[in-house]
Amino acid sequence: MAARSKARRRALQILFEADQRGAPVNEVLADWVRLSLDDDRQPRVSEYTMTLVEGYAENAARIDELLSTYTVGWPLDRMPGVDRNLLRLSAYELIWQDETPDAVVLDEAVQLAKEFSTDDSPAFVNGLLGRLKELKPTLRR
C-alpha cells in the first residue's frame, strides 16, 4: 500500500476515534503520536497523516457546513460515522490540498468507503465528493 494511502487510512481512524469519543481531533492525534513514540510495535504517524488531521481540524466548521449544505436529506449526525469522517477528511484534501489530484482524492475515498463502510457508501461518497469537486473554485473561504 502506498504511503499516502496509509496516511489517509490512519487519518480516517483518528477522525473516527475523535468523533466516537467526542474528543478534540488534535487531542486524539497527539495521543496517536505519543503512543507511536512510546511503543515500538505501533507504526509512526506520518507527516501526511498529521497534515490531513490538522488541516481538517483548522477547517472543521467550514467543512461541516459544506457537507451539511450538499448532503440534502442526510444530516451529518444521521450518517454512518465512517462516512461522516471519510467525507470530512476527503473534503479537506479535495478543497485545500492542491498538490493531490482530485481524481486521486475521490478514488481513495471510494476505496476506503468500500473497505470500512456500508454497501451504499461508495456511491454516496463518490457523488458528494464529485459535487464538491465541481464547485471547488467557489468553496474556499
N, C-alpha and C. Protein backbone atom coordinates (compact mmCIF):
# COMPACT_ATOMS: atom_id res chain seq x y z
N MET A 1 0.85 -1.18 0.00
CA MET A 1 0.00 0.00 0.00
C MET A 1 0.89 1.24 0.00
N ALA A 2 0.54 2.19 -0.82
CA ALA A 2 1.32 3.43 -0.95
C ALA A 2 1.29 4.22 0.36
N ALA A 3 2.33 5.01 0.56
CA ALA A 3 2.47 5.79 1.80
C ALA A 3 1.30 6.74 2.02
N ARG A 4 0.85 7.41 0.96
CA ARG A 4 -0.27 8.36 1.14
C ARG A 4 -1.57 7.63 1.43
N SER A 5 -1.74 6.45 0.86
CA SER A 5 -2.94 5.66 1.17
C SER A 5 -2.95 5.27 2.64
N LYS A 6 -1.80 4.87 3.15
CA LYS A 6 -1.69 4.54 4.58
C LYS A 6 -1.96 5.77 5.44
N ALA A 7 -1.45 6.91 5.00
CA ALA A 7 -1.66 8.15 5.75
C ALA A 7 -3.14 8.50 5.80
N ARG A 8 -3.85 8.34 4.68
CA ARG A 8 -5.29 8.63 4.66
C ARG A 8 -6.04 7.67 5.57
N ARG A 9 -5.69 6.40 5.52
CA ARG A 9 -6.34 5.40 6.36
C ARG A 9 -6.16 5.76 7.84
N ARG A 10 -4.94 6.10 8.22
CA ARG A 10 -4.66 6.44 9.62
C ARG A 10 -5.39 7.74 10.00
N ALA A 11 -5.42 8.72 9.11
CA ALA A 11 -6.14 9.96 9.39
C ALA A 11 -7.63 9.68 9.59
N LEU A 12 -8.19 8.80 8.78
CA LEU A 12 -9.59 8.42 8.95
C LEU A 12 -9.81 7.78 10.32
N GLN A 13 -8.91 6.91 10.72
CA GLN A 13 -9.03 6.27 12.02
C GLN A 13 -8.99 7.30 13.16
N ILE A 14 -8.14 8.29 13.02
CA ILE A 14 -8.02 9.32 14.05
C ILE A 14 -9.29 10.17 14.11
N LEU A 15 -9.79 10.60 12.95
CA LEU A 15 -11.02 11.39 12.92
C LEU A 15 -12.20 10.58 13.47
N PHE A 16 -12.27 9.32 13.09
CA PHE A 16 -13.36 8.46 13.56
C PHE A 16 -13.30 8.30 15.08
N GLU A 17 -12.10 8.04 15.60
CA GLU A 17 -11.95 7.90 17.06
C GLU A 17 -12.36 9.18 17.78
N ALA A 18 -11.91 10.31 17.29
CA ALA A 18 -12.26 11.59 17.92
C ALA A 18 -13.77 11.79 17.92
N ASP A 19 -14.40 11.47 16.80
CA ASP A 19 -15.85 11.61 16.66
C ASP A 19 -16.57 10.70 17.65
N GLN A 20 -16.14 9.45 17.74
CA GLN A 20 -16.80 8.49 18.63
C GLN A 20 -16.60 8.84 20.10
N ARG A 21 -15.42 9.35 20.44
CA ARG A 21 -15.14 9.71 21.83
C ARG A 21 -15.67 11.08 22.20
N GLY A 22 -16.02 11.89 21.20
CA GLY A 22 -16.41 13.26 21.47
C GLY A 22 -15.24 14.09 21.93
N ALA A 23 -14.05 13.73 21.45
CA ALA A 23 -12.81 14.40 21.85
C ALA A 23 -12.31 15.30 20.72
N PRO A 24 -11.55 16.33 21.06
CA PRO A 24 -10.96 17.17 20.01
C PRO A 24 -10.02 16.35 19.13
N VAL A 25 -10.09 16.59 17.83
CA VAL A 25 -9.29 15.85 16.87
C VAL A 25 -7.80 15.97 17.16
N ASN A 26 -7.35 17.18 17.46
CA ASN A 26 -5.91 17.37 17.73
C ASN A 26 -5.46 16.63 18.98
N GLU A 27 -6.35 16.46 19.95
CA GLU A 27 -6.02 15.70 21.16
C GLU A 27 -5.83 14.22 20.82
N VAL A 28 -6.71 13.67 20.00
CA VAL A 28 -6.59 12.27 19.59
C VAL A 28 -5.33 12.08 18.74
N LEU A 29 -5.05 13.03 17.86
CA LEU A 29 -3.82 12.96 17.07
C LEU A 29 -2.60 12.93 17.98
N ALA A 30 -2.57 13.78 18.98
CA ALA A 30 -1.44 13.81 19.92
C ALA A 30 -1.31 12.47 20.65
N ASP A 31 -2.44 11.86 21.01
CA ASP A 31 -2.40 10.54 21.65
C ASP A 31 -1.78 9.50 20.73
N TRP A 32 -2.17 9.53 19.45
CA TRP A 32 -1.63 8.57 18.49
C TRP A 32 -0.12 8.78 18.29
N VAL A 33 0.29 10.04 18.21
CA VAL A 33 1.72 10.33 18.04
C VAL A 33 2.49 9.85 19.26
N ARG A 34 1.99 10.17 20.43
CA ARG A 34 2.65 9.77 21.68
C ARG A 34 2.75 8.24 21.77
N LEU A 35 1.67 7.55 21.45
CA LEU A 35 1.66 6.09 21.51
C LEU A 35 2.67 5.51 20.51
N SER A 36 2.76 6.09 19.32
CA SER A 36 3.69 5.57 18.32
C SER A 36 5.14 5.79 18.73
N LEU A 37 5.40 6.82 19.52
CA LEU A 37 6.76 7.07 20.00
C LEU A 37 7.11 6.19 21.19
N ASP A 38 6.10 5.85 22.01
CA ASP A 38 6.33 5.07 23.23
C ASP A 38 6.33 3.56 23.00
N ASP A 39 5.71 3.12 21.92
CA ASP A 39 5.55 1.68 21.67
C ASP A 39 6.12 1.35 20.29
N ASP A 40 7.22 0.61 20.27
CA ASP A 40 7.88 0.27 19.01
C ASP A 40 7.01 -0.58 18.09
N ARG A 41 5.99 -1.21 18.64
CA ARG A 41 5.10 -2.04 17.82
C ARG A 41 4.08 -1.21 17.06
N GLN A 42 3.89 0.03 17.47
CA GLN A 42 2.93 0.92 16.80
C GLN A 42 3.61 1.64 15.64
N PRO A 43 2.96 1.65 14.47
CA PRO A 43 3.56 2.40 13.35
C PRO A 43 3.56 3.90 13.64
N ARG A 44 4.56 4.56 13.14
CA ARG A 44 4.67 6.02 13.31
C ARG A 44 3.53 6.73 12.58
N VAL A 45 3.12 7.85 13.13
CA VAL A 45 2.13 8.70 12.48
C VAL A 45 2.90 9.55 11.48
N SER A 46 2.58 9.39 10.21
CA SER A 46 3.33 10.08 9.16
C SER A 46 3.05 11.57 9.13
N GLU A 47 3.94 12.26 8.48
CA GLU A 47 3.79 13.71 8.31
C GLU A 47 2.49 14.03 7.55
N TYR A 48 2.18 13.21 6.54
CA TYR A 48 0.97 13.49 5.75
C TYR A 48 -0.30 13.21 6.57
N THR A 49 -0.26 12.21 7.42
CA THR A 49 -1.40 11.97 8.32
C THR A 49 -1.62 13.20 9.19
N MET A 50 -0.55 13.74 9.74
CA MET A 50 -0.67 14.94 10.59
C MET A 50 -1.20 16.12 9.77
N THR A 51 -0.73 16.27 8.54
CA THR A 51 -1.21 17.35 7.67
C THR A 51 -2.71 17.24 7.46
N LEU A 52 -3.18 16.03 7.17
CA LEU A 52 -4.61 15.83 6.91
C LEU A 52 -5.45 16.09 8.16
N VAL A 53 -5.03 15.55 9.28
CA VAL A 53 -5.81 15.70 10.52
C VAL A 53 -5.81 17.16 10.97
N GLU A 54 -4.64 17.78 10.99
CA GLU A 54 -4.56 19.18 11.41
C GLU A 54 -5.30 20.10 10.43
N GLY A 55 -5.22 19.79 9.15
CA GLY A 55 -5.93 20.58 8.14
C GLY A 55 -7.43 20.49 8.33
N TYR A 56 -7.92 19.28 8.59
CA TYR A 56 -9.35 19.15 8.87
C TYR A 56 -9.70 19.96 10.11
N ALA A 57 -8.91 19.80 11.18
CA ALA A 57 -9.21 20.49 12.43
C ALA A 57 -9.29 22.01 12.24
N GLU A 58 -8.40 22.57 11.43
CA GLU A 58 -8.39 24.01 11.18
C GLU A 58 -9.61 24.47 10.38
N ASN A 59 -10.15 23.59 9.57
CA ASN A 59 -11.26 23.94 8.68
C ASN A 59 -12.55 23.19 9.01
N ALA A 60 -12.63 22.62 10.19
CA ALA A 60 -13.75 21.73 10.55
C ALA A 60 -15.11 22.41 10.40
N ALA A 61 -15.26 23.60 10.87
CA ALA A 61 -16.56 24.26 10.79
C ALA A 61 -16.98 24.47 9.34
N ARG A 62 -16.06 24.94 8.51
CA ARG A 62 -16.37 25.16 7.09
C ARG A 62 -16.67 23.84 6.39
N ILE A 63 -15.90 22.81 6.68
CA ILE A 63 -16.12 21.51 6.04
C ILE A 63 -17.49 20.95 6.44
N ASP A 64 -17.82 20.99 7.72
CA ASP A 64 -19.14 20.50 8.15
C ASP A 64 -20.26 21.33 7.54
N GLU A 65 -20.04 22.63 7.40
CA GLU A 65 -21.04 23.49 6.74
C GLU A 65 -21.25 23.05 5.29
N LEU A 66 -20.16 22.80 4.57
CA LEU A 66 -20.26 22.37 3.18
C LEU A 66 -20.96 21.02 3.07
N LEU A 67 -20.57 20.09 3.91
CA LEU A 67 -21.19 18.77 3.86
C LEU A 67 -22.68 18.85 4.18
N SER A 68 -23.04 19.66 5.16
CA SER A 68 -24.45 19.83 5.50
C SER A 68 -25.23 20.47 4.36
N THR A 69 -24.60 21.40 3.67
CA THR A 69 -25.26 22.08 2.57
C THR A 69 -25.52 21.15 1.38
N TYR A 70 -24.57 20.30 1.08
CA TYR A 70 -24.65 19.50 -0.14
C TYR A 70 -25.11 18.06 0.07
N THR A 71 -25.42 17.67 1.29
CA THR A 71 -25.99 16.34 1.54
C THR A 71 -27.46 16.51 1.86
N VAL A 72 -28.23 16.81 0.86
CA VAL A 72 -29.66 17.03 1.03
C VAL A 72 -30.31 15.76 1.59
N GLY A 73 -31.00 15.92 2.69
CA GLY A 73 -31.70 14.81 3.30
C GLY A 73 -30.84 13.91 4.18
N TRP A 74 -29.56 14.22 4.32
CA TRP A 74 -28.68 13.42 5.16
C TRP A 74 -27.92 14.32 6.12
N PRO A 75 -28.53 14.69 7.25
CA PRO A 75 -27.79 15.48 8.22
C PRO A 75 -26.54 14.71 8.69
N LEU A 76 -25.50 15.43 9.02
CA LEU A 76 -24.26 14.80 9.43
C LEU A 76 -24.46 13.79 10.57
N ASP A 77 -25.31 14.11 11.51
CA ASP A 77 -25.49 13.22 12.66
C ASP A 77 -26.25 11.94 12.32
N ARG A 78 -26.86 11.87 11.13
CA ARG A 78 -27.56 10.65 10.72
C ARG A 78 -26.69 9.76 9.83
N MET A 79 -25.58 10.27 9.35
CA MET A 79 -24.68 9.49 8.51
C MET A 79 -23.95 8.45 9.34
N PRO A 80 -23.62 7.33 8.71
CA PRO A 80 -22.72 6.40 9.41
C PRO A 80 -21.43 7.15 9.78
N GLY A 81 -20.90 6.85 10.95
CA GLY A 81 -19.70 7.56 11.44
C GLY A 81 -18.53 7.48 10.49
N VAL A 82 -18.34 6.34 9.85
CA VAL A 82 -17.24 6.21 8.90
C VAL A 82 -17.45 7.16 7.73
N ASP A 83 -18.65 7.20 7.19
CA ASP A 83 -18.93 8.08 6.05
C ASP A 83 -18.70 9.54 6.42
N ARG A 84 -19.22 9.93 7.57
CA ARG A 84 -19.10 11.33 8.01
C ARG A 84 -17.63 11.74 8.09
N ASN A 85 -16.82 10.90 8.69
CA ASN A 85 -15.42 11.26 8.88
C ASN A 85 -14.60 11.08 7.60
N LEU A 86 -14.96 10.14 6.78
CA LEU A 86 -14.32 9.99 5.48
C LEU A 86 -14.61 11.20 4.60
N LEU A 87 -15.84 11.67 4.62
CA LEU A 87 -16.19 12.87 3.85
C LEU A 87 -15.47 14.10 4.39
N ARG A 88 -15.35 14.20 5.69
CA ARG A 88 -14.63 15.33 6.29
C ARG A 88 -13.17 15.34 5.82
N LEU A 89 -12.53 14.21 5.94
CA LEU A 89 -11.14 14.07 5.55
C LEU A 89 -10.96 14.34 4.05
N SER A 90 -11.80 13.74 3.24
CA SER A 90 -11.68 13.88 1.79
C SER A 90 -12.03 15.28 1.32
N ALA A 91 -13.01 15.90 1.96
CA ALA A 91 -13.36 17.28 1.59
C ALA A 91 -12.18 18.20 1.87
N TYR A 92 -11.52 18.00 3.01
CA TYR A 92 -10.33 18.82 3.29
C TYR A 92 -9.28 18.62 2.20
N GLU A 93 -8.97 17.37 1.91
CA GLU A 93 -7.90 17.10 0.93
C GLU A 93 -8.30 17.61 -0.45
N LEU A 94 -9.55 17.44 -0.83
CA LEU A 94 -10.02 17.87 -2.15
C LEU A 94 -9.95 19.40 -2.30
N ILE A 95 -10.39 20.10 -1.30
CA ILE A 95 -10.53 21.56 -1.42
C ILE A 95 -9.26 22.32 -1.04
N TRP A 96 -8.52 21.84 -0.05
CA TRP A 96 -7.37 22.61 0.45
C TRP A 96 -6.00 22.05 0.11
N GLN A 97 -5.91 20.81 -0.34
CA GLN A 97 -4.62 20.21 -0.68
C GLN A 97 -4.46 20.16 -2.20
N ASP A 98 -3.97 21.24 -2.77
CA ASP A 98 -3.88 21.35 -4.22
C ASP A 98 -2.89 20.39 -4.86
N GLU A 99 -1.91 19.90 -4.11
CA GLU A 99 -0.91 19.03 -4.73
C GLU A 99 -1.46 17.63 -5.00
N THR A 100 -2.57 17.27 -4.39
CA THR A 100 -3.18 15.96 -4.63
C THR A 100 -4.22 16.09 -5.73
N PRO A 101 -4.08 15.33 -6.83
CA PRO A 101 -5.09 15.39 -7.90
C PRO A 101 -6.48 15.02 -7.39
N ASP A 102 -7.47 15.73 -7.86
CA ASP A 102 -8.85 15.49 -7.43
C ASP A 102 -9.27 14.04 -7.65
N ALA A 103 -8.89 13.47 -8.78
CA ALA A 103 -9.27 12.08 -9.08
C ALA A 103 -8.70 11.11 -8.05
N VAL A 104 -7.51 11.39 -7.56
CA VAL A 104 -6.90 10.54 -6.54
C VAL A 104 -7.69 10.63 -5.24
N VAL A 105 -8.08 11.83 -4.85
CA VAL A 105 -8.86 12.01 -3.62
C VAL A 105 -10.16 11.22 -3.71
N LEU A 106 -10.88 11.36 -4.82
CA LEU A 106 -12.14 10.65 -4.98
C LEU A 106 -11.94 9.14 -4.98
N ASP A 107 -10.95 8.66 -5.72
CA ASP A 107 -10.70 7.23 -5.80
C ASP A 107 -10.35 6.65 -4.43
N GLU A 108 -9.47 7.31 -3.72
CA GLU A 108 -9.06 6.83 -2.39
C GLU A 108 -10.24 6.83 -1.42
N ALA A 109 -11.08 7.85 -1.50
CA ALA A 109 -12.25 7.92 -0.62
C ALA A 109 -13.21 6.77 -0.90
N VAL A 110 -13.43 6.50 -2.17
CA VAL A 110 -14.32 5.40 -2.54
C VAL A 110 -13.75 4.07 -2.06
N GLN A 111 -12.44 3.88 -2.20
CA GLN A 111 -11.82 2.64 -1.74
C GLN A 111 -11.96 2.47 -0.22
N LEU A 112 -11.76 3.55 0.52
CA LEU A 112 -11.92 3.47 1.97
C LEU A 112 -13.37 3.20 2.35
N ALA A 113 -14.31 3.79 1.61
CA ALA A 113 -15.73 3.53 1.87
C ALA A 113 -16.06 2.06 1.61
N LYS A 114 -15.51 1.50 0.55
CA LYS A 114 -15.73 0.08 0.25
C LYS A 114 -15.19 -0.81 1.36
N GLU A 115 -14.05 -0.43 1.89
CA GLU A 115 -13.39 -1.24 2.90
C GLU A 115 -14.03 -1.13 4.29
N PHE A 116 -14.45 0.08 4.66
CA PHE A 116 -14.86 0.31 6.04
C PHE A 116 -16.33 0.61 6.28
N SER A 117 -17.12 0.82 5.21
CA SER A 117 -18.49 1.27 5.45
C SER A 117 -19.51 0.37 4.78
N THR A 118 -20.69 0.88 4.56
CA THR A 118 -21.82 0.10 4.05
C THR A 118 -21.73 -0.10 2.54
N ASP A 119 -22.56 -0.96 2.01
CA ASP A 119 -22.58 -1.21 0.57
C ASP A 119 -22.98 0.02 -0.23
N ASP A 120 -23.81 0.88 0.35
CA ASP A 120 -24.26 2.09 -0.34
C ASP A 120 -23.27 3.25 -0.22
N SER A 121 -22.33 3.14 0.69
CA SER A 121 -21.43 4.25 0.98
C SER A 121 -20.52 4.67 -0.17
N PRO A 122 -19.93 3.75 -0.94
CA PRO A 122 -19.04 4.20 -2.02
C PRO A 122 -19.73 5.14 -3.01
N ALA A 123 -20.94 4.81 -3.42
CA ALA A 123 -21.66 5.67 -4.37
C ALA A 123 -22.01 7.01 -3.73
N PHE A 124 -22.43 6.98 -2.47
CA PHE A 124 -22.77 8.21 -1.75
C PHE A 124 -21.55 9.12 -1.63
N VAL A 125 -20.44 8.56 -1.20
CA VAL A 125 -19.19 9.31 -1.03
C VAL A 125 -18.73 9.87 -2.36
N ASN A 126 -18.75 9.05 -3.40
CA ASN A 126 -18.33 9.49 -4.73
C ASN A 126 -19.22 10.62 -5.25
N GLY A 127 -20.52 10.48 -5.07
CA GLY A 127 -21.45 11.51 -5.55
C GLY A 127 -21.25 12.85 -4.86
N LEU A 128 -21.14 12.82 -3.55
CA LEU A 128 -20.98 14.07 -2.80
C LEU A 128 -19.63 14.72 -3.10
N LEU A 129 -18.57 13.92 -3.11
CA LEU A 129 -17.26 14.50 -3.41
C LEU A 129 -17.19 14.99 -4.86
N GLY A 130 -17.87 14.30 -5.76
CA GLY A 130 -17.92 14.77 -7.15
C GLY A 130 -18.58 16.14 -7.24
N ARG A 131 -19.63 16.33 -6.47
CA ARG A 131 -20.31 17.65 -6.43
C ARG A 131 -19.37 18.72 -5.86
N LEU A 132 -18.68 18.40 -4.78
CA LEU A 132 -17.74 19.36 -4.20
C LEU A 132 -16.60 19.67 -5.18
N LYS A 133 -16.17 18.67 -5.93
CA LYS A 133 -15.12 18.88 -6.93
C LYS A 133 -15.58 19.88 -7.99
N GLU A 134 -16.82 19.75 -8.44
CA GLU A 134 -17.36 20.70 -9.43
C GLU A 134 -17.39 22.12 -8.90
N LEU A 135 -17.70 22.25 -7.62
CA LEU A 135 -17.86 23.57 -7.00
C LEU A 135 -16.58 24.09 -6.36
N LYS A 136 -15.53 23.32 -6.40
CA LYS A 136 -14.29 23.60 -5.69
C LYS A 136 -13.80 25.05 -5.81
N PRO A 137 -13.79 25.63 -6.99
CA PRO A 137 -13.28 27.02 -7.08
C PRO A 137 -14.05 28.03 -6.24
N THR A 138 -15.29 27.72 -5.90
CA THR A 138 -16.11 28.68 -5.15
C THR A 138 -16.21 28.35 -3.67
N LEU A 139 -15.63 27.23 -3.22
CA LEU A 139 -15.86 26.76 -1.87
C LEU A 139 -14.89 27.25 -0.81
N ARG A 140 -13.70 27.60 -1.18
CA ARG A 140 -12.72 28.05 -0.17
C ARG A 140 -13.07 29.41 0.35
N ARG A 141 -12.84 29.59 1.64
CA ARG A 141 -13.01 30.91 2.25
C ARG A 141 -11.86 31.15 3.16
